Amino acid sequence: MINTEALIITMEECGELIQACSKVIRSNHDPKYIQNLQDEIGDVLCMIEILDCTTPEQIKERIGVKKKKLERWSTLYNAHQ
């Protein structure tokens, strides 16, 4: 069973990551907000690790699936290769 407290904190951290993304856009990529974005990404990754409900291999596989979707449906992934 996945720890309920870990799920709640993960939800909160995901919300903070969403807010950090918005602030980078609204600030026209101010380095202060980019640093905050980096911090929030780290916090979310930490919580994903703590949740311990997936393996690094499963995550890597899913990343591949998402990249394929982006290659087909978005210019985002192709722009960063």
C-alpha atoms as a PDB file:
ATOM      1  CA  MET A   1       0.000   0.000   0.000  1.00  0.00           C
ATOM      2  CA  ILE A   2       1.256   3.458  -0.908  1.00  0.00           C
ATOM      3  CA  ASN A   3       1.719   5.759   2.072  1.00  0.00           C
ATOM      4  CA  THR A   4      -1.123   8.304   2.255  1.00  0.00           C
ATOM      5  CA  GLU A   5       1.075  11.065   3.672  1.00  0.00           C
ATOM      6  CA  ALA A   6       3.536  10.572   0.812  1.00  0.00           C
ATOM      7  CA  LEU A   7       0.675  10.867  -1.700  1.00  0.00           C
ATOM      8  CA  ILE A   8      -0.564  14.097  -0.107  1.00  0.00           C
ATOM      9  CA  ILE A   9       2.901  15.655  -0.073  1.00  0.00           C
ATOM     10  CA  THR A  10       3.427  14.562  -3.680  1.00  0.00           C
ATOM     11  CA  MET A  11       0.186  16.285  -4.693  1.00  0.00           C
ATOM     12  CA  GLU A  12       1.295  19.451  -2.901  1.00  0.00           C
ATOM     13  CA  GLU A  13       4.712  19.357  -4.555  1.00  0.00           C
ATOM     14  CA  CYS A  14       3.125  18.868  -7.988  1.00  0.00           C
ATOM     15  CA  GLY A  15       0.997  21.950  -7.334  1.00  0.00           C
ATOM     16  CA  GLU A  16       4.110  23.929  -6.410  1.00  0.00           C
ATOM     17  CA  LEU A  17       5.767  22.747  -9.644  1.00  0.00           C
ATOM     18  CA  ILE A  18       2.774  23.959 -11.647  1.00  0.00           C
ATOM     19  CA  GLN A  19       3.015  27.342  -9.945  1.00  0.00           C
ATOM     20  CA  ALA A  20       6.781  27.522 -10.601  1.00  0.00           C
ATOM     21  CA  CYS A  21       6.208  26.835 -14.324  1.00  0.00           C
ATOM     22  CA  SER A  22       3.687  29.665 -14.457  1.00  0.00           C
ATOM     23  CA  LYS A  23       6.039  32.082 -12.715  1.00  0.00           C
ATOM     24  CA  VAL A  24       8.836  31.362 -15.207  1.00  0.00           C
ATOM     25  CA  ILE A  25       6.479  32.235 -18.051  1.00  0.00           C
ATOM     26  CA  ARG A  26       5.063  35.342 -16.369  1.00  0.00           C
ATOM     27  CA  SER A  27       8.520  36.629 -15.375  1.00  0.00           C
ATOM     28  CA  ASN A  28       9.866  36.260 -18.927  1.00  0.00           C
ATOM     29  CA  HIS A  29      12.309  33.575 -17.748  1.00  0.00           C
ATOM     30  CA  ASP A  30      13.789  35.504 -14.822  1.00  0.00           C
ATOM     31  CA  PRO A  31      16.715  33.436 -13.422  1.00  0.00           C
ATOM     32  CA  LYS A  32      15.253  33.675  -9.907  1.00  0.00           C
ATOM     33  CA  TYR A  33      12.145  31.838 -11.052  1.00  0.00           C
ATOM     34  CA  ILE A  34      14.127  29.352 -13.093  1.00  0.00           C
ATOM     35  CA  GLN A  35      16.038  28.432  -9.914  1.00  0.00           C
ATOM     36  CA  ASN A  36      12.719  27.963  -8.130  1.00  0.00           C
ATOM     37  CA  LEU A  37      11.523  25.752 -11.004  1.00  0.00           C
ATOM     38  CA  GLN A  38      14.649  23.625 -10.643  1.00  0.00           C
ATOM     39  CA  ASP A  39      14.054  23.317  -6.907  1.00  0.00           C
ATOM     40  CA  GLU A  40      10.442  22.256  -7.412  1.00  0.00           C
ATOM     41  CA  ILE A  41      11.429  19.671 -10.034  1.00  0.00           C
ATOM     42  CA  GLY A  42      13.839  18.207  -7.477  1.00  0.00           C
ATOM     43  CA  ASP A  43      11.138  18.147  -4.810  1.00  0.00           C
ATOM     44  CA  VAL A  44       8.729  16.277  -7.114  1.00  0.00           C
ATOM     45  CA  LEU A  45      11.404  13.775  -8.111  1.00  0.00           C
ATOM     46  CA  CYS A  46      12.197  13.218  -4.429  1.00  0.00           C
ATOM     47  CA  MET A  47       8.572  12.445  -3.691  1.00  0.00           C
ATOM     48  CA  ILE A  48       8.327  10.090  -6.657  1.00  0.00           C
ATOM     49  CA  GLU A  49      11.271   8.206  -5.213  1.00  0.00           C
ATOM     50  CA  ILE A  50       9.682   8.140  -1.749  1.00  0.00           C
ATOM     51  CA  LEU A  51       6.371   6.848  -3.146  1.00  0.00           C
ATOM     52  CA  ASP A  52       8.284   3.736  -4.213  1.00  0.00           C
ATOM     53  CA  CYS A  53       5.488   2.482  -6.456  1.00  0.00           C
ATOM     54  CA  THR A  54       7.466   2.263  -9.682  1.00  0.00           C
ATOM     55  CA  THR A  55      10.926   1.173 -10.728  1.00  0.00           C
ATOM     56  CA  PRO A  56      13.526   3.230 -12.577  1.00  0.00           C
ATOM     57  CA  GLU A  57      13.028   0.855 -15.504  1.00  0.00           C
ATOM     58  CA  GLN A  58       9.278   1.511 -15.564  1.00  0.00           C
ATOM     59  CA  ILE A  59       9.903   5.244 -15.454  1.00  0.00           C
ATOM     60  CA  LYS A  60      12.449   5.027 -18.268  1.00  0.00           C
ATOM     61  CA  GLU A  61      10.002   2.993 -20.356  1.00  0.00           C
ATOM     62  CA  ARG A  62       7.233   5.533 -19.769  1.00  0.00           C
ATOM     63  CA  ILE A  63       9.568   8.396 -20.697  1.00  0.00           C
ATOM     64  CA  GLY A  64      10.128   6.639 -24.027  1.00  0.00           C
ATOM     65  CA  VAL A  65       6.380   6.343 -24.559  1.00  0.00           C
ATOM     66  CA  LYS A  66       5.872  10.032 -23.812  1.00  0.00           C
ATOM     67  CA  LYS A  67       8.699  11.093 -26.123  1.00  0.00           C
ATOM     68  CA  LYS A  68       7.132   9.127 -28.967  1.00  0.00           C
ATOM     69  CA  LYS A  69       3.812  10.900 -28.354  1.00  0.00           C
ATOM     70  CA  LEU A  70       5.558  14.269 -28.335  1.00  0.00           C
ATOM     71  CA  GLU A  71       7.358  13.444 -31.568  1.00  0.00           C
ATOM     72  CA  ARG A  72       3.998  12.788 -33.181  1.00  0.00           C
ATOM     73  CA  TRP A  73       1.737  15.395 -31.609  1.00  0.00           C
ATOM     74  CA  SER A  74       4.016  18.270 -30.604  1.00  0.00           C
ATOM     75  CA  THR A  75       6.928  20.297 -31.871  1.00  0.00           C
ATOM     76  CA  LEU A  76       8.263  20.464 -28.306  1.00  0.00           C
ATOM     77  CA  TYR A  77      10.344  17.293 -28.249  1.00  0.00           C
ATOM     78  CA  ASN A  78      11.748  17.732 -31.747  1.00  0.00           C
ATOM     79  CA  ALA A  79      12.876  21.266 -30.872  1.00  0.00           C
ATOM     80  CA  HIS A  80      15.128  19.962 -28.071  1.00  0.00           C
ATOM     81  CA  GLN A  81      16.939  17.108 -29.803  1.00  0.00           C
END
